[in-house]
Amino acid sequence: MTSSVPWTDRLSTGTEATQDDVVRWYQSTREGRAYVPTMIWGTLQTEAYATVILGQVDFLGIPNDVPAGVAKRMQRQQVLYDDKHHYDVVLGEQALYTNVGGPEVMREQIERLLRELGLASLTLGILPSTARVDLFPVHAFNIYGDGDRAHVELVSSSVDITEQSELDLYNKAFTALSRATSYGDAAEELLQKAHSFWTNTPLR
């Protein structure tokens, strides 16, 4: 089954309630997967980066409770440190260069990724922008609940997918993306390159 909920409904009271839902999703997921091509995965975002991202609520015309939403997003990150979860995450190289908040925010965000690269709970890879992938370009998605739900965020709505045949395709897509992804030292090299870019980018 596929269900779609408009953001104006889901965020009708602001971001905090929705972030509460996401915290529960992550706490109930022992083995998760995420592909995020153009921004940093929420569970690895710094507070400054998350503040800019959630601050985009004005675009949707919903209540602005960004500090509360950011606090919940930081709370959800505890799943990375409790030894009960594991997440396999692929970031597109573009995610390291999409300008969220300016050079200082981006530099600190890349430093966070470099620090977390060796976490036991995390397999973090970077998909190079020039990598050949045996799959047409696809949108970001998360696989939660130990594989029983895929979550996709669109401009106007969020979509949850639970039909097994569709979940199989999302897992197949993730496998194809992973094959072309850089891990370990190769991922660190791409992160260091992005860090140098933002370190040498003047503040404006």
Protein backbone atom coordinates (compact mmCIF):
# COMPACT_ATOMS: atom_id res chain seq x y z
CA MET A 1 0.00 0.00 0.00
CA THR A 2 1.11 3.56 -0.70
CA SER A 3 -0.14 6.47 1.38
CA SER A 4 0.49 10.15 0.71
CA VAL A 5 -0.04 12.97 3.23
CA PRO A 6 0.26 16.64 2.21
CA TRP A 7 2.87 18.56 4.20
CA THR A 8 0.30 21.21 5.05
CA ASP A 9 -1.67 18.49 6.88
CA ARG A 10 1.26 16.62 8.36
CA LEU A 11 2.91 19.81 9.61
CA SER A 12 -0.29 21.62 10.50
CA THR A 13 0.90 22.20 14.08
CA GLY A 14 4.57 22.72 13.20
CA THR A 15 7.64 20.51 12.92
CA GLU A 16 7.88 19.12 16.47
CA ALA A 17 5.05 16.59 16.23
CA THR A 18 6.35 15.20 12.95
CA GLN A 19 9.87 14.92 14.35
CA ASP A 20 8.36 12.96 17.27
CA ASP A 21 7.01 10.48 14.72
CA VAL A 22 10.42 10.21 13.07
CA VAL A 23 12.10 9.57 16.43
CA ARG A 24 9.76 6.62 16.94
CA TRP A 25 10.47 5.31 13.43
CA TYR A 26 14.20 5.32 14.06
CA GLN A 27 13.91 3.81 17.53
CA SER A 28 11.90 0.91 16.11
CA THR A 29 14.32 0.32 13.22
CA ARG A 30 17.24 -1.98 14.02
CA GLU A 31 18.55 -2.08 10.44
CA GLY A 32 17.81 0.94 8.24
CA ARG A 33 18.86 2.21 4.84
CA ALA A 34 18.89 5.70 3.37
CA TYR A 35 19.83 7.25 0.04
CA VAL A 36 20.11 11.04 0.08
CA PRO A 37 21.56 12.52 -3.13
CA THR A 38 21.50 16.28 -2.54
CA MET A 39 21.50 17.02 1.21
CA ILE A 40 22.81 15.54 4.45
CA TRP A 41 20.82 12.71 6.04
CA GLY A 42 18.81 14.18 8.92
CA THR A 43 20.27 11.84 11.53
CA LEU A 44 23.76 13.19 10.77
CA GLN A 45 22.88 16.87 10.52
CA THR A 46 24.49 19.39 12.85
CA GLU A 47 22.18 21.63 14.83
CA ALA A 48 23.06 24.60 12.61
CA TYR A 49 22.41 22.64 9.40
CA ALA A 50 19.11 21.26 10.73
CA THR A 51 18.00 24.75 11.74
CA VAL A 52 18.40 25.96 8.16
CA ILE A 53 16.62 22.91 6.72
CA LEU A 54 13.65 23.01 9.07
CA GLY A 55 13.54 26.79 8.71
CA GLN A 56 12.18 26.24 5.22
CA VAL A 57 8.73 25.71 6.77
CA ASP A 58 7.91 29.25 5.74
CA PHE A 59 7.75 27.95 2.16
CA LEU A 60 4.79 25.77 3.16
CA GLY A 61 3.08 28.44 5.25
CA ILE A 62 2.93 26.32 8.40
CA PRO A 63 3.58 27.25 12.06
CA ASN A 64 7.22 28.08 12.71
CA ASP A 65 8.40 26.07 15.71
CA VAL A 66 11.86 25.42 14.30
CA PRO A 67 13.81 25.32 17.63
CA ALA A 68 11.47 22.61 18.96
CA GLY A 69 11.72 20.64 15.71
CA VAL A 70 15.51 20.88 15.70
CA ALA A 71 15.66 19.69 19.31
CA LYS A 72 13.67 16.58 18.34
CA ARG A 73 15.92 15.98 15.33
CA MET A 74 18.95 16.09 17.64
CA GLN A 75 17.16 13.66 19.99
CA ARG A 76 16.63 11.15 17.20
CA GLN A 77 20.37 11.05 16.60
CA GLN A 78 20.84 9.13 19.85
CA VAL A 79 20.07 5.93 17.92
CA LEU A 80 23.60 6.22 16.50
CA TYR A 81 25.14 5.77 19.95
CA ASP A 82 23.02 3.20 21.79
CA ASP A 83 24.51 0.04 20.23
CA LYS A 84 21.05 -1.18 19.22
CA HIS A 85 20.77 0.11 15.63
CA HIS A 86 22.65 0.08 12.36
CA TYR A 87 22.12 2.35 9.36
CA ASP A 88 23.50 1.96 5.87
CA VAL A 89 23.55 5.45 4.35
CA VAL A 90 24.55 6.62 0.88
CA LEU A 91 25.00 10.34 0.33
CA GLY A 92 25.36 11.74 -3.15
CA GLU A 93 28.57 13.75 -3.55
CA GLN A 94 26.34 16.71 -4.37
CA ALA A 95 25.07 16.59 -0.78
CA LEU A 96 28.51 17.76 0.33
CA TYR A 97 28.27 20.86 -1.88
CA THR A 98 24.61 21.88 -1.71
CA ASN A 99 24.92 25.21 0.09
CA VAL A 100 22.85 24.97 3.26
CA GLY A 101 23.52 27.96 5.52
CA GLY A 102 26.81 29.09 4.00
CA PRO A 103 30.47 27.99 4.23
CA GLU A 104 30.75 27.90 8.03
CA VAL A 105 27.67 25.71 8.45
CA MET A 106 28.86 23.43 5.66
CA ARG A 107 32.42 23.17 6.98
CA GLU A 108 31.15 22.16 10.42
CA GLN A 109 28.74 19.70 8.83
CA ILE A 110 31.50 18.00 6.83
CA GLU A 111 33.61 17.81 10.01
CA ARG A 112 30.72 16.04 11.71
CA LEU A 113 30.58 13.47 8.90
CA LEU A 114 34.33 12.89 9.15
CA ARG A 115 34.05 12.30 12.91
CA GLU A 116 31.19 9.83 12.51
CA LEU A 117 32.68 7.90 9.59
CA GLY A 118 33.97 5.15 11.87
CA LEU A 119 30.83 4.68 13.99
CA ALA A 120 29.96 1.01 14.50
CA SER A 121 26.28 1.84 14.01
CA LEU A 122 26.87 3.50 10.65
CA THR A 123 27.98 2.43 7.20
CA LEU A 124 28.41 5.78 5.46
CA GLY A 125 29.26 5.97 1.77
CA ILE A 126 29.57 8.78 -0.73
CA LEU A 127 28.30 8.23 -4.28
CA PRO A 128 30.74 10.13 -6.53
CA SER A 129 29.08 12.51 -8.97
CA THR A 130 30.91 10.80 -11.84
CA ALA A 131 30.15 7.23 -10.74
CA ARG A 132 28.43 4.96 -13.20
CA VAL A 133 25.30 3.55 -11.61
CA ASP A 134 23.29 0.71 -13.12
CA LEU A 135 20.09 2.62 -12.40
CA PHE A 136 18.43 5.75 -13.72
CA PRO A 137 18.67 8.78 -11.37
CA VAL A 138 16.25 8.41 -8.46
CA HIS A 139 14.92 10.54 -5.60
CA ALA A 140 15.95 10.29 -1.95
CA PHE A 141 14.36 7.56 0.16
CA ASN A 142 14.60 5.90 3.57
CA ILE A 143 13.82 2.29 4.41
CA TYR A 144 12.52 1.91 7.98
CA GLY A 145 11.09 -0.74 10.26
CA ASP A 146 13.72 -3.29 9.30
CA GLY A 147 12.57 -3.20 5.70
CA ASP A 148 8.79 -3.03 6.02
CA ARG A 149 8.37 0.61 4.96
CA ALA A 150 9.98 3.04 2.52
CA HIS A 151 9.55 6.76 3.05
CA VAL A 152 9.81 9.40 0.32
CA GLU A 153 9.54 13.16 0.71
CA LEU A 154 8.13 15.22 -2.17
CA VAL A 155 7.68 18.98 -2.52
CA SER A 156 4.03 18.87 -1.51
CA SER A 157 3.70 15.66 0.50
CA SER A 158 5.34 12.72 2.21
CA VAL A 159 4.78 9.20 0.92
CA ASP A 160 4.95 5.90 2.82
CA ILE A 161 5.23 2.64 0.90
CA THR A 162 4.48 -0.74 2.47
CA GLU A 163 3.60 -2.90 -0.54
CA GLN A 164 6.21 -5.68 -0.64
CA SER A 165 6.69 -5.62 -4.42
CA GLU A 166 7.48 -1.90 -4.24
CA LEU A 167 9.76 -2.36 -1.22
CA ASP A 168 11.67 -4.97 -3.18
CA LEU A 169 12.36 -2.38 -5.88
CA TYR A 170 13.58 0.16 -3.32
CA ASN A 171 15.95 -2.41 -1.85
CA LYS A 172 17.11 -3.36 -5.35
CA ALA A 173 17.73 0.32 -6.11
CA PHE A 174 19.71 0.76 -2.89
CA THR A 175 21.87 -2.24 -3.76
CA ALA A 176 22.62 -0.76 -7.20
CA LEU A 177 23.52 2.60 -5.67
CA SER A 178 25.73 0.95 -3.06
CA ARG A 179 27.73 -0.88 -5.69
CA ALA A 180 28.82 2.45 -7.18
CA THR A 181 29.44 4.12 -3.82
CA SER A 182 32.79 4.92 -2.20
CA TYR A 183 33.36 3.72 1.37
CA GLY A 184 36.18 3.88 3.90
CA ASP A 185 39.28 5.76 2.79
CA ALA A 186 37.71 6.65 -0.56
CA ALA A 187 34.71 8.21 1.17
CA GLU A 188 37.00 10.08 3.56
CA GLU A 189 38.93 11.48 0.59
CA LEU A 190 35.73 12.87 -0.92
CA LEU A 191 34.75 14.37 2.43
CA GLN A 192 38.18 15.98 2.85
CA LYS A 193 37.91 17.45 -0.64
CA ALA A 194 34.53 18.99 0.23
CA HIS A 195 35.91 20.26 3.55
CA SER A 196 38.74 22.02 1.70
CA PHE A 197 36.23 23.59 -0.66
CA TRP A 198 34.14 25.07 2.16
CA THR A 199 37.19 26.06 4.21
CA ASN A 200 38.47 28.09 1.27
CA THR A 201 35.10 29.56 0.31
CA PRO A 202 34.81 33.14 1.61
CA LEU A 203 31.92 34.14 3.85
CA ARG A 204 29.44 36.47 2.19
